[in-house]
Amino acid sequence: MTQAQELKKEFRKDPVSLRAKYDELEVEQQLIVALLDLRETQKLTQVELARLVGTSQANISKFENGKFNPSVAFLKRVAAACGVKLNVYLR
């Protein structure tokens, strides 16, 4: 079962609890979406991005699947590898 299928199943059981969990992970989800968008814009595979960042394809995959909490240093390396700047906003 994929992670999305598991979330749908859990949502059907307890939508309020799942929404609270989602809200807790909002920043992580934003990072994941940003990386996916960046990788797509740059037309890079996970392997290609990993090579540019100096990490493994497995680490890129774990990050994109929410199973890896990246450090700021890792995010800076990703940004530099893609020719963009890492910006962080606290609101």
C-alpha atoms as a PDB file:
ATOM      1  CA  MET A   1       0.000   0.000   0.000  1.00  0.00           C
ATOM      2  CA  THR A   2       1.396   3.401  -0.936  1.00  0.00           C
ATOM      3  CA  GLN A   3       1.738   6.237   1.553  1.00  0.00           C
ATOM      4  CA  ALA A   4      -1.095   8.117  -0.158  1.00  0.00           C
ATOM      5  CA  GLN A   5      -3.378   5.076   0.075  1.00  0.00           C
ATOM      6  CA  GLU A   6      -2.526   4.679   3.766  1.00  0.00           C
ATOM      7  CA  LEU A   7      -3.368   8.340   4.394  1.00  0.00           C
ATOM      8  CA  LYS A   8      -6.710   8.024   2.592  1.00  0.00           C
ATOM      9  CA  LYS A   9      -7.559   4.934   4.644  1.00  0.00           C
ATOM     10  CA  GLU A  10      -6.618   6.713   7.868  1.00  0.00           C
ATOM     11  CA  PHE A  11      -8.570   9.827   6.848  1.00  0.00           C
ATOM     12  CA  ARG A  12     -11.731   7.774   6.390  1.00  0.00           C
ATOM     13  CA  LYS A  13     -11.326   6.423   9.933  1.00  0.00           C
ATOM     14  CA  ASP A  14     -10.576   9.701  11.707  1.00  0.00           C
ATOM     15  CA  PRO A  15     -10.552  12.873   9.554  1.00  0.00           C
ATOM     16  CA  VAL A  16     -10.028  15.257  12.492  1.00  0.00           C
ATOM     17  CA  SER A  17      -6.977  13.393  13.784  1.00  0.00           C
ATOM     18  CA  LEU A  18      -5.457  13.129  10.324  1.00  0.00           C
ATOM     19  CA  ARG A  19      -5.968  16.847   9.700  1.00  0.00           C
ATOM     20  CA  ALA A  20      -4.099  17.607  12.928  1.00  0.00           C
ATOM     21  CA  LYS A  21      -1.256  15.324  11.839  1.00  0.00           C
ATOM     22  CA  TYR A  22      -1.189  17.006   8.426  1.00  0.00           C
ATOM     23  CA  ASP A  23      -1.027  20.448  10.034  1.00  0.00           C
ATOM     24  CA  GLU A  24       1.910  19.269  12.162  1.00  0.00           C
ATOM     25  CA  LEU A  25       3.718  18.220   8.979  1.00  0.00           C
ATOM     26  CA  GLU A  26       2.874  21.289   6.913  1.00  0.00           C
ATOM     27  CA  VAL A  27       6.458  22.585   6.789  1.00  0.00           C
ATOM     28  CA  GLU A  28       7.806  19.162   5.845  1.00  0.00           C
ATOM     29  CA  GLN A  29       5.207  18.864   3.093  1.00  0.00           C
ATOM     30  CA  GLN A  30       6.119  22.298   1.757  1.00  0.00           C
ATOM     31  CA  LEU A  31       9.793  21.262   1.606  1.00  0.00           C
ATOM     32  CA  ILE A  32       8.920  18.055  -0.216  1.00  0.00           C
ATOM     33  CA  VAL A  33       6.756  19.870  -2.762  1.00  0.00           C
ATOM     34  CA  ALA A  34       9.452  22.524  -3.240  1.00  0.00           C
ATOM     35  CA  LEU A  35      12.096  19.871  -3.923  1.00  0.00           C
ATOM     36  CA  LEU A  36       9.844  17.986  -6.330  1.00  0.00           C
ATOM     37  CA  ASP A  37       8.998  21.213  -8.168  1.00  0.00           C
ATOM     38  CA  LEU A  38      12.643  22.227  -8.309  1.00  0.00           C
ATOM     39  CA  ARG A  39      13.761  18.834  -9.560  1.00  0.00           C
ATOM     40  CA  GLU A  40      11.007  18.868 -12.214  1.00  0.00           C
ATOM     41  CA  THR A  41      11.867  22.409 -13.313  1.00  0.00           C
ATOM     42  CA  GLN A  42      15.526  21.458 -13.601  1.00  0.00           C
ATOM     43  CA  LYS A  43      14.518  18.269 -15.457  1.00  0.00           C
ATOM     44  CA  LEU A  44      16.654  16.173 -13.094  1.00  0.00           C
ATOM     45  CA  THR A  45      16.180  12.580 -12.056  1.00  0.00           C
ATOM     46  CA  GLN A  46      16.741  11.594  -8.437  1.00  0.00           C
ATOM     47  CA  VAL A  47      20.055  10.039  -9.489  1.00  0.00           C
ATOM     48  CA  GLU A  48      21.194  13.209 -11.253  1.00  0.00           C
ATOM     49  CA  LEU A  49      20.210  15.441  -8.335  1.00  0.00           C
ATOM     50  CA  ALA A  50      21.909  13.114  -5.866  1.00  0.00           C
ATOM     51  CA  ARG A  51      25.115  13.257  -7.891  1.00  0.00           C
ATOM     52  CA  LEU A  52      25.017  17.079  -7.950  1.00  0.00           C
ATOM     53  CA  VAL A  53      24.284  17.289  -4.215  1.00  0.00           C
ATOM     54  CA  GLY A  54      26.850  14.681  -3.224  1.00  0.00           C
ATOM     55  CA  THR A  55      24.426  12.232  -1.677  1.00  0.00           C
ATOM     56  CA  SER A  56      22.736   9.000  -2.667  1.00  0.00           C
ATOM     57  CA  GLN A  57      19.606   8.564  -4.762  1.00  0.00           C
ATOM     58  CA  ALA A  58      18.153   6.767  -1.735  1.00  0.00           C
ATOM     59  CA  ASN A  59      18.462   9.944   0.360  1.00  0.00           C
ATOM     60  CA  ILE A  60      16.688  12.006  -2.304  1.00  0.00           C
ATOM     61  CA  SER A  61      13.935   9.384  -2.459  1.00  0.00           C
ATOM     62  CA  LYS A  62      13.600   9.272   1.339  1.00  0.00           C
ATOM     63  CA  PHE A  63      13.304  13.055   1.431  1.00  0.00           C
ATOM     64  CA  GLU A  64      10.678  13.117  -1.311  1.00  0.00           C
ATOM     65  CA  ASN A  65       8.701  10.425   0.514  1.00  0.00           C
ATOM     66  CA  GLY A  66       8.842  12.174   3.890  1.00  0.00           C
ATOM     67  CA  LYS A  67      11.128   9.592   5.470  1.00  0.00           C
ATOM     68  CA  PHE A  68      14.162  11.867   5.835  1.00  0.00           C
ATOM     69  CA  ASN A  69      14.274  15.131   7.756  1.00  0.00           C
ATOM     70  CA  PRO A  70      16.927  17.184   5.947  1.00  0.00           C
ATOM     71  CA  SER A  71      19.385  19.470   7.661  1.00  0.00           C
ATOM     72  CA  VAL A  72      19.771  23.090   6.617  1.00  0.00           C
ATOM     73  CA  ALA A  73      23.185  22.136   5.216  1.00  0.00           C
ATOM     74  CA  PHE A  74      21.540  19.491   2.995  1.00  0.00           C
ATOM     75  CA  LEU A  75      18.923  21.972   1.772  1.00  0.00           C
ATOM     76  CA  LYS A  76      21.668  24.505   0.984  1.00  0.00           C
ATOM     77  CA  ARG A  77      23.531  21.877  -1.050  1.00  0.00           C
ATOM     78  CA  VAL A  78      20.349  21.067  -2.986  1.00  0.00           C
ATOM     79  CA  ALA A  79      19.734  24.755  -3.672  1.00  0.00           C
ATOM     80  CA  ALA A  80      23.336  25.339  -4.760  1.00  0.00           C
ATOM     81  CA  ALA A  81      23.290  22.262  -7.001  1.00  0.00           C
ATOM     82  CA  CYS A  82      20.200  23.634  -8.752  1.00  0.00           C
ATOM     83  CA  GLY A  83      21.471  27.192  -8.992  1.00  0.00           C
ATOM     84  CA  VAL A  84      18.905  28.670  -6.624  1.00  0.00           C
ATOM     85  CA  LYS A  85      19.056  30.261  -3.181  1.00  0.00           C
ATOM     86  CA  LEU A  86      17.573  28.722  -0.049  1.00  0.00           C
ATOM     87  CA  ASN A  87      15.196  31.153   1.649  1.00  0.00           C
ATOM     88  CA  VAL A  88      13.571  30.572   5.017  1.00  0.00           C
ATOM     89  CA  TYR A  89      10.680  32.655   6.295  1.00  0.00           C
ATOM     90  CA  LEU A  90       9.348  32.636   9.827  1.00  0.00           C
ATOM     91  CA  ARG A  91       5.828  33.990  10.160  1.00  0.00           C
END
